[in-house]
Amino acid sequence: MPNFVFAYHGGKMPETPEEGAQVMAEWNSWFGGMGDNVVDPGNPVGLSKTVSDKGVEDNGGANPLSGYSIVSAASIEDAVEVAKGCPMVVHGHGTVEVAEVHVM
């Protein structure tokens, strides 16, 4: 099965330890439901910079990356269906960009 990058955009940091525990439980449940299809659960990312021929833009531009995962799925359509269950998407706090990894 091909692998797909789930690029997370948006989200927010939990405001309390209790909220943090709830958020982690939701992510762990989502990943647990994918089982062995989680190739790399990834991590959140920090400050990003966008590099182009015009220079360097701080904070990743208009829609900065907030994290990533690598997931195996039969097709991009299947990967998209899985991405719809992402806690950020479910709660309206962000989006997931799905792209197939091409092995070279």
N, C-alpha and C. Protein backbone atom coordinates (compact mmCIF):
# COMPACT_ATOMS: atom_id res chain seq x y z
N MET A 1 0.84 -1.19 0.00
CA MET A 1 0.00 0.00 0.00
C MET A 1 0.88 1.24 0.00
N PRO A 2 0.44 2.27 -0.69
CA PRO A 2 1.23 3.50 -0.69
C PRO A 2 1.12 4.24 0.65
N ASN A 3 2.11 5.09 0.89
CA ASN A 3 2.11 5.94 2.07
C ASN A 3 1.66 7.34 1.69
N PHE A 4 1.07 8.03 2.67
CA PHE A 4 0.58 9.38 2.48
C PHE A 4 1.05 10.26 3.61
N VAL A 5 1.45 11.48 3.27
CA VAL A 5 1.77 12.49 4.27
C VAL A 5 0.47 13.17 4.67
N PHE A 6 0.22 13.23 5.95
CA PHE A 6 -0.86 14.06 6.48
C PHE A 6 -0.18 15.31 7.02
N ALA A 7 -0.36 16.43 6.35
CA ALA A 7 0.22 17.70 6.78
C ALA A 7 -0.87 18.49 7.49
N TYR A 8 -0.66 18.75 8.77
CA TYR A 8 -1.66 19.43 9.59
C TYR A 8 -1.44 20.94 9.55
N HIS A 9 -2.53 21.65 9.38
CA HIS A 9 -2.51 23.11 9.37
C HIS A 9 -3.53 23.61 10.39
N GLY A 10 -3.11 24.53 11.24
CA GLY A 10 -4.02 25.07 12.24
C GLY A 10 -3.85 24.37 13.56
N GLY A 11 -4.93 24.33 14.31
CA GLY A 11 -4.90 23.74 15.64
C GLY A 11 -4.58 24.81 16.68
N LYS A 12 -4.59 24.39 17.92
CA LYS A 12 -4.26 25.31 19.00
C LYS A 12 -3.69 24.52 20.16
N MET A 13 -2.90 25.17 20.97
CA MET A 13 -2.33 24.53 22.15
C MET A 13 -3.40 24.43 23.22
N PRO A 14 -3.45 23.31 23.94
CA PRO A 14 -4.41 23.19 25.04
C PRO A 14 -4.17 24.27 26.08
N GLU A 15 -5.23 24.75 26.69
CA GLU A 15 -5.13 25.83 27.66
C GLU A 15 -4.93 25.33 29.09
N THR A 16 -5.28 24.07 29.36
CA THR A 16 -5.12 23.51 30.70
C THR A 16 -4.54 22.10 30.58
N PRO A 17 -3.97 21.59 31.66
CA PRO A 17 -3.48 20.21 31.62
C PRO A 17 -4.60 19.21 31.33
N GLU A 18 -5.80 19.48 31.84
CA GLU A 18 -6.93 18.59 31.58
C GLU A 18 -7.30 18.58 30.10
N GLU A 19 -7.32 19.76 29.50
CA GLU A 19 -7.60 19.85 28.06
C GLU A 19 -6.50 19.13 27.28
N GLY A 20 -5.26 19.28 27.70
CA GLY A 20 -4.15 18.60 27.05
C GLY A 20 -4.30 17.09 27.10
N ALA A 21 -4.72 16.58 28.24
CA ALA A 21 -4.94 15.14 28.38
C ALA A 21 -6.07 14.67 27.47
N GLN A 22 -7.14 15.46 27.37
CA GLN A 22 -8.27 15.10 26.51
C GLN A 22 -7.85 15.10 25.03
N VAL A 23 -7.09 16.11 24.63
CA VAL A 23 -6.62 16.20 23.25
C VAL A 23 -5.73 15.00 22.91
N MET A 24 -4.79 14.66 23.81
CA MET A 24 -3.91 13.51 23.56
C MET A 24 -4.71 12.22 23.48
N ALA A 25 -5.73 12.08 24.32
CA ALA A 25 -6.57 10.88 24.28
C ALA A 25 -7.28 10.77 22.93
N GLU A 26 -7.75 11.89 22.40
CA GLU A 26 -8.43 11.87 21.10
C GLU A 26 -7.46 11.50 19.98
N TRP A 27 -6.26 12.07 19.99
CA TRP A 27 -5.26 11.73 18.97
C TRP A 27 -4.86 10.26 19.08
N ASN A 28 -4.62 9.78 20.31
CA ASN A 28 -4.24 8.38 20.51
C ASN A 28 -5.34 7.44 20.05
N SER A 29 -6.59 7.80 20.29
CA SER A 29 -7.72 6.98 19.84
C SER A 29 -7.77 6.94 18.32
N TRP A 30 -7.59 8.08 17.69
CA TRP A 30 -7.61 8.16 16.22
C TRP A 30 -6.49 7.31 15.63
N PHE A 31 -5.27 7.49 16.15
CA PHE A 31 -4.15 6.69 15.67
C PHE A 31 -4.38 5.21 15.95
N GLY A 32 -4.92 4.89 17.13
CA GLY A 32 -5.19 3.49 17.48
C GLY A 32 -6.16 2.84 16.52
N GLY A 33 -7.14 3.60 16.05
CA GLY A 33 -8.11 3.08 15.08
C GLY A 33 -7.49 2.76 13.73
N MET A 34 -6.35 3.38 13.43
CA MET A 34 -5.66 3.11 12.17
C MET A 34 -4.74 1.90 12.28
N GLY A 35 -4.42 1.48 13.49
CA GLY A 35 -3.57 0.31 13.70
C GLY A 35 -2.23 0.42 13.01
N ASP A 36 -1.85 -0.66 12.30
CA ASP A 36 -0.55 -0.72 11.62
C ASP A 36 -0.44 0.21 10.43
N ASN A 37 -1.52 0.88 10.04
CA ASN A 37 -1.46 1.83 8.92
C ASN A 37 -0.76 3.13 9.30
N VAL A 38 -0.49 3.31 10.60
CA VAL A 38 0.29 4.48 11.02
C VAL A 38 1.76 4.11 10.86
N VAL A 39 2.38 4.65 9.82
CA VAL A 39 3.79 4.39 9.54
C VAL A 39 4.66 5.21 10.47
N ASP A 40 4.31 6.48 10.67
CA ASP A 40 5.02 7.41 11.55
C ASP A 40 3.98 8.38 12.09
N PRO A 41 3.69 8.34 13.40
CA PRO A 41 2.67 9.24 13.92
C PRO A 41 3.08 10.71 13.81
N GLY A 42 4.36 10.96 13.59
CA GLY A 42 4.83 12.32 13.40
C GLY A 42 4.86 13.10 14.68
N ASN A 43 4.82 14.42 14.53
CA ASN A 43 4.92 15.34 15.66
C ASN A 43 4.38 16.70 15.25
N PRO A 44 4.07 17.53 16.24
CA PRO A 44 3.81 18.92 15.93
C PRO A 44 5.13 19.56 15.50
N VAL A 45 5.05 20.68 14.83
CA VAL A 45 6.26 21.40 14.43
C VAL A 45 6.21 22.82 15.00
N GLY A 46 7.37 23.43 15.08
CA GLY A 46 7.48 24.79 15.60
C GLY A 46 7.48 25.81 14.49
N LEU A 47 8.09 26.94 14.78
CA LEU A 47 8.18 28.05 13.83
C LEU A 47 8.68 27.56 12.49
N SER A 48 8.00 27.96 11.43
CA SER A 48 8.46 27.58 10.10
C SER A 48 8.76 28.83 9.29
N LYS A 49 9.56 28.65 8.28
CA LYS A 49 9.92 29.73 7.36
C LYS A 49 9.74 29.20 5.95
N THR A 50 9.20 30.01 5.08
CA THR A 50 9.02 29.64 3.68
C THR A 50 10.13 30.29 2.87
N VAL A 51 10.89 29.46 2.16
CA VAL A 51 12.02 29.93 1.37
C VAL A 51 11.63 29.90 -0.10
N SER A 52 11.80 31.02 -0.79
CA SER A 52 11.52 31.10 -2.23
C SER A 52 12.58 31.95 -2.90
N ASP A 53 12.45 32.09 -4.21
CA ASP A 53 13.42 32.92 -4.94
C ASP A 53 13.28 34.40 -4.59
N LYS A 54 12.21 34.76 -3.89
CA LYS A 54 11.99 36.15 -3.49
C LYS A 54 12.51 36.43 -2.08
N GLY A 55 12.94 35.38 -1.37
CA GLY A 55 13.45 35.56 -0.02
C GLY A 55 12.87 34.55 0.95
N VAL A 56 12.83 34.93 2.21
CA VAL A 56 12.36 34.07 3.28
C VAL A 56 11.19 34.75 3.98
N GLU A 57 10.10 34.01 4.12
CA GLU A 57 8.92 34.51 4.80
C GLU A 57 8.79 33.78 6.14
N ASP A 58 8.64 34.55 7.22
CA ASP A 58 8.50 33.95 8.55
C ASP A 58 7.11 33.36 8.72
N ASN A 59 7.02 32.39 9.63
CA ASN A 59 5.75 31.77 10.05
C ASN A 59 5.07 30.95 8.98
N GLY A 60 5.78 30.49 7.98
CA GLY A 60 5.21 29.54 7.03
C GLY A 60 4.20 30.09 6.05
N GLY A 61 4.08 31.38 5.93
CA GLY A 61 3.15 31.93 4.95
C GLY A 61 1.72 31.96 5.45
N ALA A 62 0.79 31.91 4.51
CA ALA A 62 -0.63 32.09 4.82
C ALA A 62 -1.23 30.94 5.62
N ASN A 63 -0.73 29.71 5.45
CA ASN A 63 -1.31 28.55 6.10
C ASN A 63 -0.18 27.66 6.63
N PRO A 64 0.47 28.07 7.73
CA PRO A 64 1.67 27.36 8.17
C PRO A 64 1.38 25.92 8.63
N LEU A 65 2.37 25.10 8.42
CA LEU A 65 2.34 23.70 8.85
C LEU A 65 2.38 23.66 10.38
N SER A 66 1.54 22.81 10.98
CA SER A 66 1.57 22.68 12.44
C SER A 66 1.99 21.27 12.87
N GLY A 67 2.08 20.33 11.94
CA GLY A 67 2.52 18.98 12.26
C GLY A 67 2.37 18.06 11.07
N TYR A 68 2.74 16.79 11.26
CA TYR A 68 2.68 15.82 10.17
C TYR A 68 2.54 14.41 10.71
N SER A 69 2.08 13.51 9.88
CA SER A 69 2.08 12.07 10.12
C SER A 69 2.28 11.39 8.78
N ILE A 70 2.71 10.13 8.80
CA ILE A 70 2.79 9.30 7.60
C ILE A 70 1.86 8.11 7.82
N VAL A 71 0.93 7.92 6.89
CA VAL A 71 -0.09 6.89 7.02
C VAL A 71 -0.15 6.07 5.75
N SER A 72 -0.33 4.77 5.89
CA SER A 72 -0.48 3.86 4.76
C SER A 72 -1.97 3.69 4.47
N ALA A 73 -2.34 3.73 3.19
CA ALA A 73 -3.74 3.52 2.78
C ALA A 73 -3.75 2.95 1.37
N ALA A 74 -4.86 2.32 1.01
CA ALA A 74 -4.98 1.70 -0.31
C ALA A 74 -5.00 2.73 -1.43
N SER A 75 -5.53 3.92 -1.16
CA SER A 75 -5.64 4.96 -2.19
C SER A 75 -5.72 6.32 -1.51
N ILE A 76 -5.56 7.36 -2.29
CA ILE A 76 -5.69 8.70 -1.71
C ILE A 76 -7.11 8.93 -1.20
N GLU A 77 -8.08 8.34 -1.86
CA GLU A 77 -9.47 8.48 -1.39
C GLU A 77 -9.64 7.85 0.00
N ASP A 78 -9.01 6.68 0.19
CA ASP A 78 -9.07 6.04 1.50
C ASP A 78 -8.32 6.88 2.55
N ALA A 79 -7.19 7.44 2.17
CA ALA A 79 -6.42 8.29 3.09
C ALA A 79 -7.24 9.52 3.48
N VAL A 80 -7.93 10.10 2.53
CA VAL A 80 -8.78 11.27 2.81
C VAL A 80 -9.89 10.90 3.80
N GLU A 81 -10.48 9.73 3.62
CA GLU A 81 -11.53 9.30 4.55
C GLU A 81 -10.98 9.18 5.97
N VAL A 82 -9.77 8.64 6.10
CA VAL A 82 -9.13 8.52 7.41
C VAL A 82 -8.85 9.92 7.98
N ALA A 83 -8.37 10.82 7.14
CA ALA A 83 -8.04 12.18 7.58
C ALA A 83 -9.25 12.92 8.13
N LYS A 84 -10.43 12.58 7.64
CA LYS A 84 -11.65 13.23 8.13
C LYS A 84 -11.88 12.98 9.61
N GLY A 85 -11.28 11.93 10.16
CA GLY A 85 -11.41 11.62 11.58
C GLY A 85 -10.40 12.31 12.47
N CYS A 86 -9.49 13.10 11.88
CA CYS A 86 -8.48 13.81 12.67
C CYS A 86 -9.18 14.72 13.69
N PRO A 87 -8.75 14.67 14.95
CA PRO A 87 -9.38 15.51 15.96
C PRO A 87 -9.43 17.01 15.59
N MET A 88 -8.39 17.52 14.93
CA MET A 88 -8.41 18.93 14.52
C MET A 88 -9.55 19.20 13.54
N VAL A 89 -9.79 18.26 12.63
CA VAL A 89 -10.86 18.41 11.64
C VAL A 89 -12.21 18.26 12.32
N VAL A 90 -12.35 17.24 13.13
CA VAL A 90 -13.61 16.96 13.81
C VAL A 90 -14.09 18.15 14.62
N HIS A 91 -13.15 18.83 15.30
CA HIS A 91 -13.51 19.96 16.16
C HIS A 91 -13.44 21.31 15.45
N GLY A 92 -13.11 21.31 14.14
CA GLY A 92 -13.05 22.55 13.39
C GLY A 92 -11.88 23.45 13.74
N HIS A 93 -10.78 22.86 14.24
CA HIS A 93 -9.62 23.65 14.64
C HIS A 93 -8.52 23.69 13.59
N GLY A 94 -8.70 22.97 12.49
CA GLY A 94 -7.63 22.94 11.49
C GLY A 94 -7.99 22.05 10.32
N THR A 95 -7.00 21.84 9.46
CA THR A 95 -7.19 21.04 8.26
C THR A 95 -6.06 20.03 8.14
N VAL A 96 -6.30 19.02 7.30
CA VAL A 96 -5.28 18.02 6.98
C VAL A 96 -5.10 17.99 5.47
N GLU A 97 -3.90 18.25 5.04
CA GLU A 97 -3.54 18.13 3.62
C GLU A 97 -3.01 16.72 3.43
N VAL A 98 -3.52 16.00 2.43
CA VAL A 98 -3.14 14.61 2.19
C VAL A 98 -2.39 14.53 0.86
N ALA A 99 -1.19 13.95 0.87
CA ALA A 99 -0.40 13.82 -0.36
C ALA A 99 0.29 12.47 -0.37
N GLU A 100 0.25 11.79 -1.51
CA GLU A 100 0.93 10.50 -1.63
C GLU A 100 2.43 10.69 -1.69
N VAL A 101 3.14 9.78 -1.01
CA VAL A 101 4.60 9.77 -1.04
C VAL A 101 5.00 8.91 -2.24
N HIS A 102 5.76 9.46 -3.17
CA HIS A 102 6.25 8.71 -4.31
C HIS A 102 7.67 8.25 -4.04
N VAL A 103 7.86 6.94 -4.04
CA VAL A 103 9.19 6.36 -3.82
C VAL A 103 9.98 6.47 -5.10
N MET A 104 11.20 6.95 -4.99
CA MET A 104 12.03 7.14 -6.18
C MET A 104 13.21 6.21 -6.16
